Structure formats: structure tokens, C-alpha cells
Amino acid sequence: MALESSPKIPTVMLSSGHTMPVVALGTFDYNFEPQTAKVAVIEAIKAGYRHFNTASVYGSEGAVAEAIAEAVQLGLIRSRTVVFITSKLWCTDNHPNRVLPAIRYSLMYASNIAGL
């Protein structure tokens, strides 16, 4: 996975062989506005960010996915494969019967843009 990132953002080599930026844009906000988050992610992509931090409890996964899809359409990045999206399993989902559904819910956003 080749990243199209700014040389100003340091990266780390993962055991998978992928290089991941160590600096991410966080998308948590108490007064979350999806359109504001979407604009922030697009502007961050323009600035060279390629790592975005979200969580289902933040309510920002959809806005992050939409922003990445728009960035591809605008030609800011070549595909979804050039960004990292980190999310979290929230403590309320940390029960044997809730882990997989919670992960599937988060992955639903990534799969909606994976084909771009």
C-alpha cells in the first residue's frame, strides 16, 4: 500500500508491511455535525493527512467515509487504499455477543467506499 502523504507526517512500518502515518485527524466532538466533519476530513486530506480516527460512538464513521469518497471523486487521493481509518470497539460492545456486530457496523462504512 503506497501512501500519498505529506513528507511532514511521520510514518511507522507495520508488521503487515504497510506504512501508516502516526499522526491522525480525530473526529470526536460533543456537538457533532456531520457536514463539519466531512469538510474537516477533506481539508485534512488536502493538507496531507492520510490517517483518520473515528469510533461508532462518535457518530462520525459515516461522515469520514463520505469525505474520503468525495476526496477520491475530486482527485485529491487516488483511492480508499491510500488512507488509514482507525476505529474503536466501545466498552458497551465489549461482550461476546456484541463484538462481531459492532465490528461489522464499523466495517460497513469502509466497505461502502472500498470500491472507489
N, C-alpha and C. Protein backbone atom coordinates (compact mmCIF):
# COMPACT_ATOMS: atom_id res chain seq x y z
N MET A 1 0.85 -1.16 0.00
CA MET A 1 0.00 0.00 0.00
C MET A 1 0.90 1.23 0.00
N ALA A 2 0.94 1.94 -1.05
CA ALA A 2 1.72 3.17 -1.12
C ALA A 2 0.85 4.33 -0.66
N LEU A 3 1.35 5.09 0.28
CA LEU A 3 0.61 6.24 0.77
C LEU A 3 1.02 7.49 0.04
N GLU A 4 0.04 8.31 -0.27
CA GLU A 4 0.28 9.60 -0.89
C GLU A 4 0.19 10.64 0.22
N SER A 5 1.14 10.64 1.13
CA SER A 5 1.04 11.53 2.27
C SER A 5 2.10 12.60 2.22
N SER A 6 1.90 13.58 3.05
CA SER A 6 2.84 14.67 3.17
C SER A 6 4.13 14.17 3.81
N PRO A 7 5.29 14.60 3.31
CA PRO A 7 6.54 14.18 3.93
C PRO A 7 6.70 14.74 5.35
N LYS A 8 5.84 15.66 5.74
CA LYS A 8 5.91 16.25 7.08
C LYS A 8 5.29 15.35 8.14
N ILE A 9 4.51 14.37 7.73
CA ILE A 9 3.83 13.49 8.67
C ILE A 9 4.62 12.18 8.78
N PRO A 10 5.18 11.89 9.96
CA PRO A 10 5.99 10.66 10.11
C PRO A 10 5.13 9.41 9.97
N THR A 11 5.76 8.33 9.58
CA THR A 11 5.07 7.06 9.40
C THR A 11 5.77 5.97 10.20
N VAL A 12 5.08 4.86 10.36
CA VAL A 12 5.63 3.69 11.03
C VAL A 12 5.34 2.49 10.14
N MET A 13 6.30 1.57 10.07
CA MET A 13 6.11 0.34 9.29
C MET A 13 5.40 -0.68 10.18
N LEU A 14 4.27 -1.17 9.73
CA LEU A 14 3.51 -2.17 10.46
C LEU A 14 4.01 -3.57 10.11
N SER A 15 3.72 -4.54 10.95
CA SER A 15 4.17 -5.91 10.69
C SER A 15 3.56 -6.46 9.40
N SER A 16 2.46 -5.87 8.95
CA SER A 16 1.82 -6.30 7.70
C SER A 16 2.59 -5.84 6.47
N GLY A 17 3.57 -4.94 6.68
CA GLY A 17 4.32 -4.38 5.57
C GLY A 17 3.78 -3.04 5.10
N HIS A 18 2.64 -2.62 5.64
CA HIS A 18 2.05 -1.34 5.28
C HIS A 18 2.71 -0.22 6.10
N THR A 19 2.80 0.93 5.49
CA THR A 19 3.31 2.10 6.19
C THR A 19 2.13 2.96 6.61
N MET A 20 2.04 3.26 7.93
CA MET A 20 0.91 4.02 8.45
C MET A 20 1.38 5.34 9.04
N PRO A 21 0.71 6.44 8.70
CA PRO A 21 1.05 7.71 9.34
C PRO A 21 0.78 7.63 10.84
N VAL A 22 1.68 8.20 11.65
CA VAL A 22 1.50 8.15 13.09
C VAL A 22 0.64 9.30 13.61
N VAL A 23 0.37 10.27 12.76
CA VAL A 23 -0.49 11.39 13.13
C VAL A 23 -1.83 11.21 12.42
N ALA A 24 -2.91 11.31 13.19
CA ALA A 24 -4.24 11.14 12.63
C ALA A 24 -5.12 12.33 12.98
N LEU A 25 -6.11 12.58 12.16
CA LEU A 25 -7.13 13.57 12.48
C LEU A 25 -8.20 12.86 13.29
N GLY A 26 -8.45 13.34 14.50
CA GLY A 26 -9.51 12.80 15.33
C GLY A 26 -10.84 13.42 14.96
N THR A 27 -11.91 12.64 15.07
CA THR A 27 -13.22 13.13 14.64
C THR A 27 -14.25 13.13 15.75
N PHE A 28 -13.81 13.21 16.99
CA PHE A 28 -14.74 13.27 18.12
C PHE A 28 -15.13 14.72 18.38
N ASP A 29 -16.40 14.95 18.67
CA ASP A 29 -16.90 16.27 19.06
C ASP A 29 -18.21 16.07 19.80
N TYR A 30 -18.37 16.75 20.93
CA TYR A 30 -19.61 16.64 21.69
C TYR A 30 -20.82 17.14 20.88
N ASN A 31 -20.64 18.17 20.11
CA ASN A 31 -21.71 18.73 19.28
C ASN A 31 -21.47 18.36 17.83
N PHE A 32 -21.42 17.07 17.56
CA PHE A 32 -21.03 16.56 16.25
C PHE A 32 -21.96 17.04 15.15
N GLU A 33 -21.38 17.57 14.11
CA GLU A 33 -22.09 17.98 12.90
C GLU A 33 -21.47 17.24 11.73
N PRO A 34 -22.19 16.32 11.09
CA PRO A 34 -21.60 15.52 10.00
C PRO A 34 -20.98 16.36 8.89
N GLN A 35 -21.63 17.44 8.47
CA GLN A 35 -21.09 18.25 7.38
C GLN A 35 -19.78 18.91 7.79
N THR A 36 -19.67 19.35 9.02
CA THR A 36 -18.44 19.96 9.51
C THR A 36 -17.31 18.94 9.52
N ALA A 37 -17.61 17.73 9.97
CA ALA A 37 -16.60 16.66 9.99
C ALA A 37 -16.16 16.32 8.58
N LYS A 38 -17.10 16.25 7.66
CA LYS A 38 -16.79 15.93 6.27
C LYS A 38 -15.84 16.98 5.68
N VAL A 39 -16.14 18.24 5.90
CA VAL A 39 -15.28 19.32 5.40
C VAL A 39 -13.90 19.25 6.05
N ALA A 40 -13.87 18.96 7.35
CA ALA A 40 -12.59 18.87 8.07
C ALA A 40 -11.72 17.75 7.50
N VAL A 41 -12.32 16.60 7.20
CA VAL A 41 -11.56 15.48 6.65
C VAL A 41 -11.04 15.82 5.26
N ILE A 42 -11.86 16.43 4.43
CA ILE A 42 -11.41 16.82 3.09
C ILE A 42 -10.27 17.82 3.17
N GLU A 43 -10.38 18.80 4.05
CA GLU A 43 -9.30 19.78 4.22
C GLU A 43 -8.04 19.12 4.76
N ALA A 44 -8.20 18.15 5.65
CA ALA A 44 -7.05 17.43 6.18
C ALA A 44 -6.36 16.62 5.07
N ILE A 45 -7.15 16.03 4.18
CA ILE A 45 -6.57 15.30 3.04
C ILE A 45 -5.77 16.26 2.17
N LYS A 46 -6.32 17.44 1.93
CA LYS A 46 -5.60 18.45 1.15
C LYS A 46 -4.27 18.82 1.82
N ALA A 47 -4.25 18.80 3.16
CA ALA A 47 -3.05 19.16 3.91
C ALA A 47 -2.06 18.00 4.03
N GLY A 48 -2.45 16.81 3.58
CA GLY A 48 -1.54 15.67 3.60
C GLY A 48 -1.88 14.57 4.57
N TYR A 49 -2.93 14.74 5.36
CA TYR A 49 -3.33 13.68 6.29
C TYR A 49 -3.82 12.47 5.52
N ARG A 50 -3.45 11.28 6.02
CA ARG A 50 -3.90 10.03 5.43
C ARG A 50 -4.34 9.03 6.49
N HIS A 51 -4.56 9.53 7.70
CA HIS A 51 -4.96 8.68 8.82
C HIS A 51 -6.07 9.41 9.56
N PHE A 52 -7.20 8.72 9.76
CA PHE A 52 -8.36 9.34 10.40
C PHE A 52 -8.85 8.43 11.51
N ASN A 53 -9.14 9.03 12.67
CA ASN A 53 -9.52 8.31 13.86
C ASN A 53 -11.00 8.57 14.12
N THR A 54 -11.75 7.50 14.28
CA THR A 54 -13.19 7.60 14.49
C THR A 54 -13.63 6.51 15.47
N ALA A 55 -14.89 6.47 15.77
CA ALA A 55 -15.49 5.41 16.58
C ALA A 55 -16.99 5.45 16.36
N SER A 56 -17.63 4.31 16.46
CA SER A 56 -19.08 4.29 16.24
C SER A 56 -19.79 5.20 17.24
N VAL A 57 -19.30 5.25 18.47
CA VAL A 57 -19.94 6.09 19.48
C VAL A 57 -19.80 7.59 19.16
N TYR A 58 -18.79 7.96 18.38
CA TYR A 58 -18.64 9.37 17.98
C TYR A 58 -19.72 9.78 16.99
N GLY A 59 -20.22 8.81 16.23
CA GLY A 59 -21.19 9.11 15.18
C GLY A 59 -20.55 9.67 13.93
N SER A 60 -19.22 9.57 13.81
CA SER A 60 -18.50 10.20 12.70
C SER A 60 -18.07 9.24 11.60
N GLU A 61 -18.29 7.95 11.76
CA GLU A 61 -17.81 7.00 10.75
C GLU A 61 -18.40 7.28 9.37
N GLY A 62 -19.68 7.58 9.31
CA GLY A 62 -20.31 7.87 8.02
C GLY A 62 -19.76 9.13 7.37
N ALA A 63 -19.55 10.18 8.17
CA ALA A 63 -19.01 11.43 7.63
C ALA A 63 -17.58 11.24 7.11
N VAL A 64 -16.79 10.45 7.83
CA VAL A 64 -15.42 10.16 7.38
C VAL A 64 -15.46 9.40 6.06
N ALA A 65 -16.32 8.40 5.97
CA ALA A 65 -16.44 7.61 4.74
C ALA A 65 -16.89 8.49 3.57
N GLU A 66 -17.87 9.35 3.80
CA GLU A 66 -18.34 10.25 2.74
C GLU A 66 -17.24 11.20 2.29
N ALA A 67 -16.48 11.72 3.24
CA ALA A 67 -15.40 12.65 2.90
C ALA A 67 -14.33 11.96 2.06
N ILE A 68 -13.99 10.73 2.42
CA ILE A 68 -12.97 10.00 1.65
C ILE A 68 -13.48 9.70 0.25
N ALA A 69 -14.75 9.30 0.14
CA ALA A 69 -15.33 9.06 -1.18
C ALA A 69 -15.30 10.33 -2.02
N GLU A 70 -15.63 11.46 -1.41
CA GLU A 70 -15.60 12.73 -2.14
C GLU A 70 -14.18 13.12 -2.53
N ALA A 71 -13.23 12.87 -1.65
CA ALA A 71 -11.82 13.18 -1.96
C ALA A 71 -11.35 12.38 -3.17
N VAL A 72 -11.81 11.14 -3.28
CA VAL A 72 -11.46 10.32 -4.46
C VAL A 72 -12.10 10.93 -5.70
N GLN A 73 -13.37 11.28 -5.61
CA GLN A 73 -14.07 11.86 -6.76
C GLN A 73 -13.44 13.18 -7.20
N LEU A 74 -12.93 13.96 -6.23
CA LEU A 74 -12.29 15.24 -6.54
C LEU A 74 -10.85 15.07 -7.04
N GLY A 75 -10.33 13.85 -6.96
CA GLY A 75 -8.96 13.60 -7.39
C GLY A 75 -7.91 13.99 -6.36
N LEU A 76 -8.33 14.20 -5.10
CA LEU A 76 -7.38 14.55 -4.05
C LEU A 76 -6.53 13.35 -3.64
N ILE A 77 -7.12 12.16 -3.72
CA ILE A 77 -6.42 10.90 -3.49
C ILE A 77 -6.87 9.94 -4.58
N ARG A 78 -6.04 8.94 -4.86
CA ARG A 78 -6.38 8.05 -5.98
C ARG A 78 -7.41 6.98 -5.61
N SER A 79 -7.41 6.55 -4.33
CA SER A 79 -8.39 5.55 -3.90
C SER A 79 -8.43 5.48 -2.39
N ARG A 80 -9.39 4.72 -1.89
CA ARG A 80 -9.54 4.50 -0.45
C ARG A 80 -8.30 3.82 0.13
N THR A 81 -7.56 3.10 -0.69
CA THR A 81 -6.43 2.33 -0.19
C THR A 81 -5.26 3.19 0.27
N VAL A 82 -5.30 4.48 0.04
CA VAL A 82 -4.18 5.33 0.45
C VAL A 82 -4.42 5.99 1.81
N VAL A 83 -5.53 5.64 2.48
CA VAL A 83 -5.79 6.20 3.81
C VAL A 83 -5.99 5.09 4.83
N PHE A 84 -5.69 5.41 6.07
CA PHE A 84 -5.96 4.53 7.20
C PHE A 84 -7.11 5.12 7.98
N ILE A 85 -8.04 4.26 8.37
CA ILE A 85 -9.14 4.67 9.23
C ILE A 85 -9.07 3.78 10.46
N THR A 86 -8.86 4.40 11.61
CA THR A 86 -8.85 3.63 12.85
C THR A 86 -10.15 3.91 13.59
N SER A 87 -10.71 2.87 14.16
CA SER A 87 -11.93 2.99 14.92
C SER A 87 -11.75 2.22 16.22
N LYS A 88 -12.77 2.21 17.04
CA LYS A 88 -12.67 1.56 18.34
C LYS A 88 -13.90 0.71 18.63
N LEU A 89 -13.65 -0.36 19.34
CA LEU A 89 -14.74 -1.15 19.89
C LEU A 89 -15.09 -0.50 21.23
N TRP A 90 -16.27 0.05 21.32
CA TRP A 90 -16.64 0.77 22.54
C TRP A 90 -16.91 -0.20 23.67
N CYS A 91 -16.70 0.23 24.91
CA CYS A 91 -16.82 -0.66 26.06
C CYS A 91 -18.21 -1.29 26.17
N THR A 92 -19.24 -0.62 25.73
CA THR A 92 -20.58 -1.20 25.79
C THR A 92 -20.75 -2.35 24.81
N ASP A 93 -19.87 -2.44 23.83
CA ASP A 93 -19.91 -3.54 22.86
C ASP A 93 -18.89 -4.63 23.18
N ASN A 94 -18.22 -4.53 24.31
CA ASN A 94 -17.18 -5.47 24.69
C ASN A 94 -17.79 -6.67 25.44
N HIS A 95 -18.72 -7.32 24.77
CA HIS A 95 -19.37 -8.52 25.30
C HIS A 95 -19.38 -9.55 24.17
N PRO A 96 -19.24 -10.83 24.51
CA PRO A 96 -19.10 -11.85 23.47
C PRO A 96 -20.13 -11.78 22.33
N ASN A 97 -21.36 -11.47 22.65
CA ASN A 97 -22.39 -11.45 21.61
C ASN A 97 -22.48 -10.11 20.87
N ARG A 98 -21.68 -9.11 21.26
CA ARG A 98 -21.79 -7.79 20.64
C ARG A 98 -20.55 -7.38 19.86
N VAL A 99 -19.43 -8.10 20.03
CA VAL A 99 -18.18 -7.71 19.37
C VAL A 99 -18.31 -7.76 17.85
N LEU A 100 -18.67 -8.91 17.31
CA LEU A 100 -18.75 -9.03 15.84
C LEU A 100 -19.79 -8.09 15.22
N PRO A 101 -20.99 -7.96 15.79
CA PRO A 101 -21.92 -7.00 15.21
C PRO A 101 -21.37 -5.56 15.22
N ALA A 102 -20.68 -5.18 16.27
CA ALA A 102 -20.11 -3.84 16.34
C ALA A 102 -19.02 -3.64 15.29
N ILE A 103 -18.19 -4.65 15.11
CA ILE A 103 -17.13 -4.56 14.09
C ILE A 103 -17.76 -4.50 12.70
N ARG A 104 -18.76 -5.31 12.47
CA ARG A 104 -19.44 -5.29 11.15
C ARG A 104 -20.06 -3.93 10.88
N TYR A 105 -20.62 -3.32 11.90
CA TYR A 105 -21.23 -2.00 11.76
C TYR A 105 -20.17 -0.98 11.32
N SER A 106 -19.01 -0.99 11.97
CA SER A 106 -17.94 -0.07 11.60
C SER A 106 -17.41 -0.37 10.20
N LEU A 107 -17.24 -1.63 9.88
CA LEU A 107 -16.73 -2.00 8.55
C LEU A 107 -17.71 -1.69 7.43
N MET A 108 -18.98 -1.57 7.76
CA MET A 108 -19.99 -1.25 6.77
C MET A 108 -19.62 0.06 6.05
N TYR A 109 -19.13 1.04 6.78
CA TYR A 109 -18.75 2.31 6.18
C TYR A 109 -17.55 2.14 5.25
N ALA A 110 -16.57 1.37 5.70
CA ALA A 110 -15.38 1.17 4.88
C ALA A 110 -15.75 0.40 3.61
N SER A 111 -16.62 -0.58 3.71
CA SER A 111 -16.97 -1.36 2.53
C SER A 111 -17.78 -0.54 1.54
N ASN A 112 -18.49 0.46 2.01
CA ASN A 112 -19.26 1.32 1.10
C ASN A 112 -18.36 2.16 0.21
N ILE A 113 -17.11 2.40 0.63
CA ILE A 113 -16.21 3.21 -0.18
C ILE A 113 -15.02 2.42 -0.70
N ALA A 114 -14.93 1.14 -0.34
CA ALA A 114 -13.75 0.35 -0.70
C ALA A 114 -13.58 0.19 -2.20
N GLY A 115 -14.65 0.20 -2.94
CA GLY A 115 -14.57 0.01 -4.38
C GLY A 115 -14.13 1.24 -5.15
N LEU A 116 -13.95 2.36 -4.50
CA LEU A 116 -13.57 3.59 -5.20
C LEU A 116 -12.14 3.59 -5.64
